[in-house]
Amino acid sequence: MKRVAVLCDVHGNLPALEAVLADGRLAQAELVVVGGDVVAGPMPAECLDLLFELGDRARFIRGNADRFVVDRSPEHGAAWCADQLGRERLARVAEWPLTVAVDVDGLGPVLFFHATPHSDEEILTRITPDDEIVAALAAVEAPTVVGGHTHVQFDRRVPGAPRFVNAGSVGMPYEGRRGAFWALLGPDVELLRTEYDAEAAAAAIREIEWPSSDELAGWLLEPPDPTEVTELFESYRGA
């Protein structure tokens, strides 16, 4: 069994990723699960190369935005990101699985995914009705599951379903405050925040030709409110 750090939704934000990897709390983790949506952002190659330096210590999961980049989709400048990555990196991203399972100290078997166990883009939030959480996680045998995708941290227990943890977003958080958000598992669950210079990061990102640079920079300086974002995500699911 291991202690595991979970880094989701980096979205090409290199300064945020560097801050988390330098955080002393991450050094406690024997394994780093990278929970998807790494390369859709302003510094995709730099972020990926930095994570690859972790070698066998890192396990990767596919996010919907990673898939968009591999497919050169028109969404969110994905084709631009694909050009930055080049053929070899794209081939590695294309191989990432939908889920990863790990035995974690104190928690036992944990299933990691980006959105849900069967989809990289289905939406589940901290206010999704209990019965829909049970249905979405019905096939999971692990007592704990960990995802990302909605960029808001939570640790939710629903009767009849596994404990459901969202690690938050390293590079594009919707937490109403600045920082890089991630999780450390073992022996329990810690939802963490790492401070970094968001002003400098936003300035650097605005200098990059990624189509959504200005939007991301604005979110880093004035992070969206988690309650408002959660309600918006629920509206997308037809709630």
Protein backbone atom coordinates (compact mmCIF):
# COMPACT_ATOMS: atom_id res chain seq x y z
CA MET A 1 0.00 0.00 0.00
CA LYS A 2 1.08 3.57 -0.68
CA ARG A 3 0.46 7.21 0.11
CA VAL A 4 -0.80 8.90 -3.04
CA ALA A 5 -0.85 12.52 -4.22
CA VAL A 6 -3.62 13.35 -6.69
CA LEU A 7 -3.08 16.17 -9.18
CA CYS A 8 -6.05 16.88 -11.45
CA ASP A 9 -6.80 19.51 -14.07
CA VAL A 10 -3.37 21.09 -14.43
CA HIS A 11 -4.51 22.62 -17.73
CA GLY A 12 -1.04 23.59 -18.86
CA ASN A 13 -0.45 25.94 -15.92
CA LEU A 14 3.25 25.37 -15.35
CA PRO A 15 3.76 27.78 -12.40
CA ALA A 16 0.95 26.08 -10.45
CA LEU A 17 2.30 22.61 -11.22
CA GLU A 18 5.85 23.59 -10.23
CA ALA A 19 4.54 24.92 -6.92
CA VAL A 20 2.70 21.70 -6.09
CA LEU A 21 5.64 19.48 -7.05
CA ALA A 22 7.87 21.60 -4.79
CA ASP A 23 5.40 21.42 -1.87
CA GLY A 24 6.96 19.42 0.96
CA ARG A 25 3.70 17.62 1.57
CA LEU A 26 3.89 16.01 -1.87
CA ALA A 27 7.23 14.46 -0.93
CA GLN A 28 5.28 12.22 1.48
CA ALA A 29 3.61 10.47 -1.47
CA GLU A 30 5.18 7.38 -2.99
CA LEU A 31 2.89 7.68 -6.00
CA VAL A 32 1.45 10.65 -7.91
CA VAL A 33 -1.81 10.03 -9.78
CA VAL A 34 -2.30 12.66 -12.48
CA GLY A 35 -6.04 12.75 -12.89
CA GLY A 36 -6.52 14.13 -16.38
CA ASP A 37 -6.77 17.44 -18.24
CA VAL A 38 -3.04 18.04 -18.18
CA VAL A 39 -2.26 19.27 -21.67
CA ALA A 40 -5.14 21.57 -22.59
CA GLY A 41 -3.61 24.87 -21.60
CA PRO A 42 -0.92 27.45 -22.29
CA MET A 43 2.20 25.41 -21.42
CA PRO A 44 1.25 21.83 -22.32
CA ALA A 45 4.65 20.46 -23.32
CA GLU A 46 6.41 21.99 -20.34
CA CYS A 47 3.88 20.55 -17.89
CA LEU A 48 3.97 17.12 -19.47
CA ASP A 49 7.75 16.96 -19.54
CA LEU A 50 7.90 17.98 -15.88
CA LEU A 51 5.48 15.22 -14.92
CA PHE A 52 7.35 12.68 -17.03
CA GLU A 53 10.42 13.44 -14.91
CA LEU A 54 8.62 11.66 -12.06
CA GLY A 55 9.16 8.41 -13.98
CA ASP A 56 7.48 5.37 -12.46
CA ARG A 57 6.31 7.47 -9.52
CA ALA A 58 3.54 8.95 -11.74
CA ARG A 59 0.42 7.28 -13.13
CA PHE A 60 -1.70 9.12 -15.70
CA ILE A 61 -5.45 9.15 -16.43
CA ARG A 62 -7.10 10.58 -19.52
CA GLY A 63 -9.30 13.64 -19.17
CA ASN A 64 -11.78 14.91 -21.72
CA ALA A 65 -9.60 17.91 -22.51
CA ASP A 66 -6.60 15.63 -23.09
CA ARG A 67 -8.74 13.68 -25.55
CA PHE A 68 -9.70 16.92 -27.31
CA VAL A 69 -6.00 17.70 -27.77
CA VAL A 70 -5.19 14.25 -29.12
CA ASP A 71 -8.13 14.53 -31.54
CA ARG A 72 -7.18 18.13 -32.47
CA SER A 73 -10.72 19.16 -31.59
CA PRO A 74 -11.80 22.80 -32.09
CA GLU A 75 -12.59 23.17 -28.37
CA HIS A 76 -10.42 25.48 -26.24
CA GLY A 77 -7.47 25.71 -28.59
CA ALA A 78 -6.87 21.97 -28.55
CA ALA A 79 -5.20 21.96 -31.97
CA TRP A 80 -2.76 24.65 -30.81
CA CYS A 81 -1.89 22.49 -27.79
CA ALA A 82 -1.40 19.46 -30.05
CA ASP A 83 1.07 21.44 -32.14
CA GLN A 84 3.05 22.34 -29.02
CA LEU A 85 3.19 18.72 -27.89
CA GLY A 86 4.33 17.11 -31.11
CA ARG A 87 3.85 13.55 -32.27
CA GLU A 88 5.73 11.63 -29.55
CA ARG A 89 4.05 13.34 -26.60
CA LEU A 90 0.64 13.06 -28.23
CA ALA A 91 1.15 9.34 -28.71
CA ARG A 92 1.83 8.93 -25.00
CA VAL A 93 -1.21 10.97 -24.01
CA ALA A 94 -3.38 8.89 -26.34
CA GLU A 95 -2.45 5.77 -24.35
CA TRP A 96 -3.63 7.05 -20.98
CA PRO A 97 -6.41 4.91 -19.46
CA LEU A 98 -9.81 6.02 -18.21
CA THR A 99 -9.20 4.68 -14.68
CA VAL A 100 -6.34 3.65 -12.37
CA ALA A 101 -6.68 1.51 -9.24
CA VAL A 102 -4.24 1.72 -6.32
CA ASP A 103 -4.13 0.32 -2.78
CA VAL A 104 -3.72 3.33 -0.47
CA ASP A 105 -2.51 3.29 3.13
CA GLY A 106 -5.51 3.39 5.48
CA LEU A 107 -8.07 3.49 2.67
CA GLY A 108 -7.53 0.19 0.89
CA PRO A 109 -8.43 -0.06 -2.80
CA VAL A 110 -9.07 3.33 -4.41
CA LEU A 111 -10.32 3.86 -7.96
CA PHE A 112 -9.11 7.02 -9.69
CA PHE A 113 -10.77 8.62 -12.74
CA HIS A 114 -11.20 12.04 -14.30
CA ALA A 115 -14.99 12.42 -14.35
CA THR A 116 -16.63 9.04 -13.65
CA PRO A 117 -15.50 5.41 -13.97
CA HIS A 118 -17.09 5.08 -17.42
CA SER A 119 -16.75 8.57 -18.89
CA ASP A 120 -14.11 11.31 -19.08
CA GLU A 121 -16.75 14.06 -19.29
CA GLU A 122 -19.83 13.05 -17.27
CA ILE A 123 -20.54 15.58 -14.53
CA LEU A 124 -20.93 14.72 -10.86
CA THR A 125 -20.72 17.49 -8.27
CA ARG A 126 -20.91 17.94 -4.53
CA ILE A 127 -24.67 18.62 -4.87
CA THR A 128 -25.62 15.94 -7.42
CA PRO A 129 -28.60 14.01 -5.96
CA ASP A 130 -27.62 10.98 -3.89
CA ASP A 131 -29.46 8.49 -6.09
CA GLU A 132 -27.58 9.68 -9.15
CA ILE A 133 -24.25 9.32 -7.35
CA VAL A 134 -25.22 5.76 -6.40
CA ALA A 135 -26.18 4.97 -10.00
CA ALA A 136 -23.01 6.48 -11.49
CA LEU A 137 -20.75 4.54 -9.11
CA ALA A 138 -22.81 1.34 -8.96
CA ALA A 139 -20.23 -0.86 -10.67
CA VAL A 140 -17.34 0.28 -8.46
CA GLU A 141 -16.12 -2.26 -5.93
CA ALA A 142 -13.53 0.00 -4.26
CA PRO A 143 -14.68 1.74 -1.06
CA THR A 144 -13.21 5.09 -2.19
CA VAL A 145 -13.13 6.84 -5.56
CA VAL A 146 -11.25 10.00 -6.53
CA GLY A 147 -11.85 12.28 -9.51
CA GLY A 148 -11.51 15.83 -10.77
CA HIS A 149 -13.17 17.43 -13.83
CA THR A 150 -15.36 20.01 -12.05
CA HIS A 151 -12.42 21.92 -10.49
CA VAL A 152 -14.05 22.09 -7.02
CA GLN A 153 -12.78 20.02 -4.10
CA PHE A 154 -15.11 17.90 -2.01
CA ASP A 155 -15.17 14.76 0.11
CA ARG A 156 -18.63 13.23 -0.09
CA ARG A 157 -20.20 10.19 1.57
CA VAL A 158 -23.44 8.93 0.09
CA PRO A 159 -25.19 5.84 1.52
CA GLY A 160 -24.91 2.96 -0.92
CA ALA A 161 -21.97 4.46 -2.84
CA PRO A 162 -18.19 4.62 -2.37
CA ARG A 163 -16.70 7.61 -0.61
CA PHE A 164 -16.39 10.17 -3.41
CA VAL A 165 -13.47 12.62 -3.34
CA ASN A 166 -12.77 15.41 -5.80
CA ALA A 167 -9.13 16.52 -5.64
CA GLY A 168 -9.85 19.93 -7.16
CA SER A 169 -7.76 21.63 -9.84
CA VAL A 170 -4.06 22.42 -9.79
CA GLY A 171 -4.08 24.85 -12.68
CA MET A 172 -7.61 26.20 -13.11
CA PRO A 173 -9.40 26.09 -9.74
CA TYR A 174 -12.95 27.26 -9.19
CA GLU A 175 -12.54 27.70 -5.45
CA GLY A 176 -13.13 31.41 -4.95
CA ARG A 177 -9.52 31.89 -3.81
CA ARG A 178 -6.14 31.70 -5.43
CA GLY A 179 -3.86 28.70 -5.25
CA ALA A 180 -3.26 25.23 -6.67
CA PHE A 181 -5.59 22.58 -5.27
CA TRP A 182 -4.84 18.86 -4.93
CA ALA A 183 -5.23 15.92 -2.55
CA LEU A 184 -3.05 13.62 -0.47
CA LEU A 185 -4.39 10.15 0.36
CA GLY A 186 -3.19 7.90 3.16
CA PRO A 187 -4.00 7.15 5.88
CA ASP A 188 -7.06 9.37 5.26
CA VAL A 189 -7.96 12.10 2.73
CA GLU A 190 -6.42 15.58 2.88
CA LEU A 191 -7.74 18.24 0.52
CA LEU A 192 -4.85 20.65 0.09
CA ARG A 193 -3.99 24.04 -1.36
CA THR A 194 -0.54 25.25 -2.41
CA GLU A 195 0.12 28.96 -2.69
CA TYR A 196 2.04 30.41 -5.62
CA ASP A 197 2.41 33.77 -7.38
CA ALA A 198 -0.80 33.95 -9.37
CA GLU A 199 -0.03 37.48 -10.52
CA ALA A 200 3.23 36.38 -12.14
CA ALA A 201 1.59 33.26 -13.58
CA ALA A 202 -1.24 35.29 -15.12
CA ALA A 203 1.21 37.74 -16.65
CA ALA A 204 3.27 34.91 -18.15
CA ILE A 205 0.18 33.14 -19.49
CA ARG A 206 -1.07 36.31 -21.18
CA GLU A 207 2.15 36.39 -23.21
CA ILE A 208 1.37 32.97 -24.73
CA GLU A 209 -0.62 32.59 -27.95
CA TRP A 210 -2.94 29.86 -26.62
CA PRO A 211 -6.45 31.08 -27.57
CA SER A 212 -7.81 31.01 -24.00
CA SER A 213 -4.81 32.65 -22.29
CA ASP A 214 -6.65 35.81 -21.25
CA GLU A 215 -9.58 33.82 -19.87
CA LEU A 216 -7.35 31.55 -17.77
CA ALA A 217 -5.29 34.49 -16.50
CA GLY A 218 -8.47 36.20 -15.36
CA TRP A 219 -9.64 33.10 -13.50
CA LEU A 220 -6.30 32.78 -11.72
CA LEU A 221 -6.53 36.36 -10.46
CA GLU A 222 -10.25 36.25 -9.64
CA PRO A 223 -11.14 32.58 -9.15
CA PRO A 224 -14.78 31.69 -9.84
CA ASP A 225 -17.04 31.07 -6.86
CA PRO A 226 -17.37 27.32 -6.16
CA THR A 227 -21.06 27.48 -5.30
CA GLU A 228 -21.92 29.32 -8.51
CA VAL A 229 -19.77 27.00 -10.62
CA THR A 230 -21.25 23.90 -9.00
CA GLU A 231 -24.77 25.11 -9.73
CA LEU A 232 -23.75 25.84 -13.32
CA PHE A 233 -22.33 22.33 -13.74
CA GLU A 234 -25.54 20.88 -12.32
CA SER A 235 -27.52 22.83 -14.93
CA TYR A 236 -25.37 21.20 -17.62
CA ARG A 237 -26.44 17.79 -16.34
CA GLY A 238 -30.09 18.82 -16.65
CA ALA A 239 -30.64 19.25 -12.91
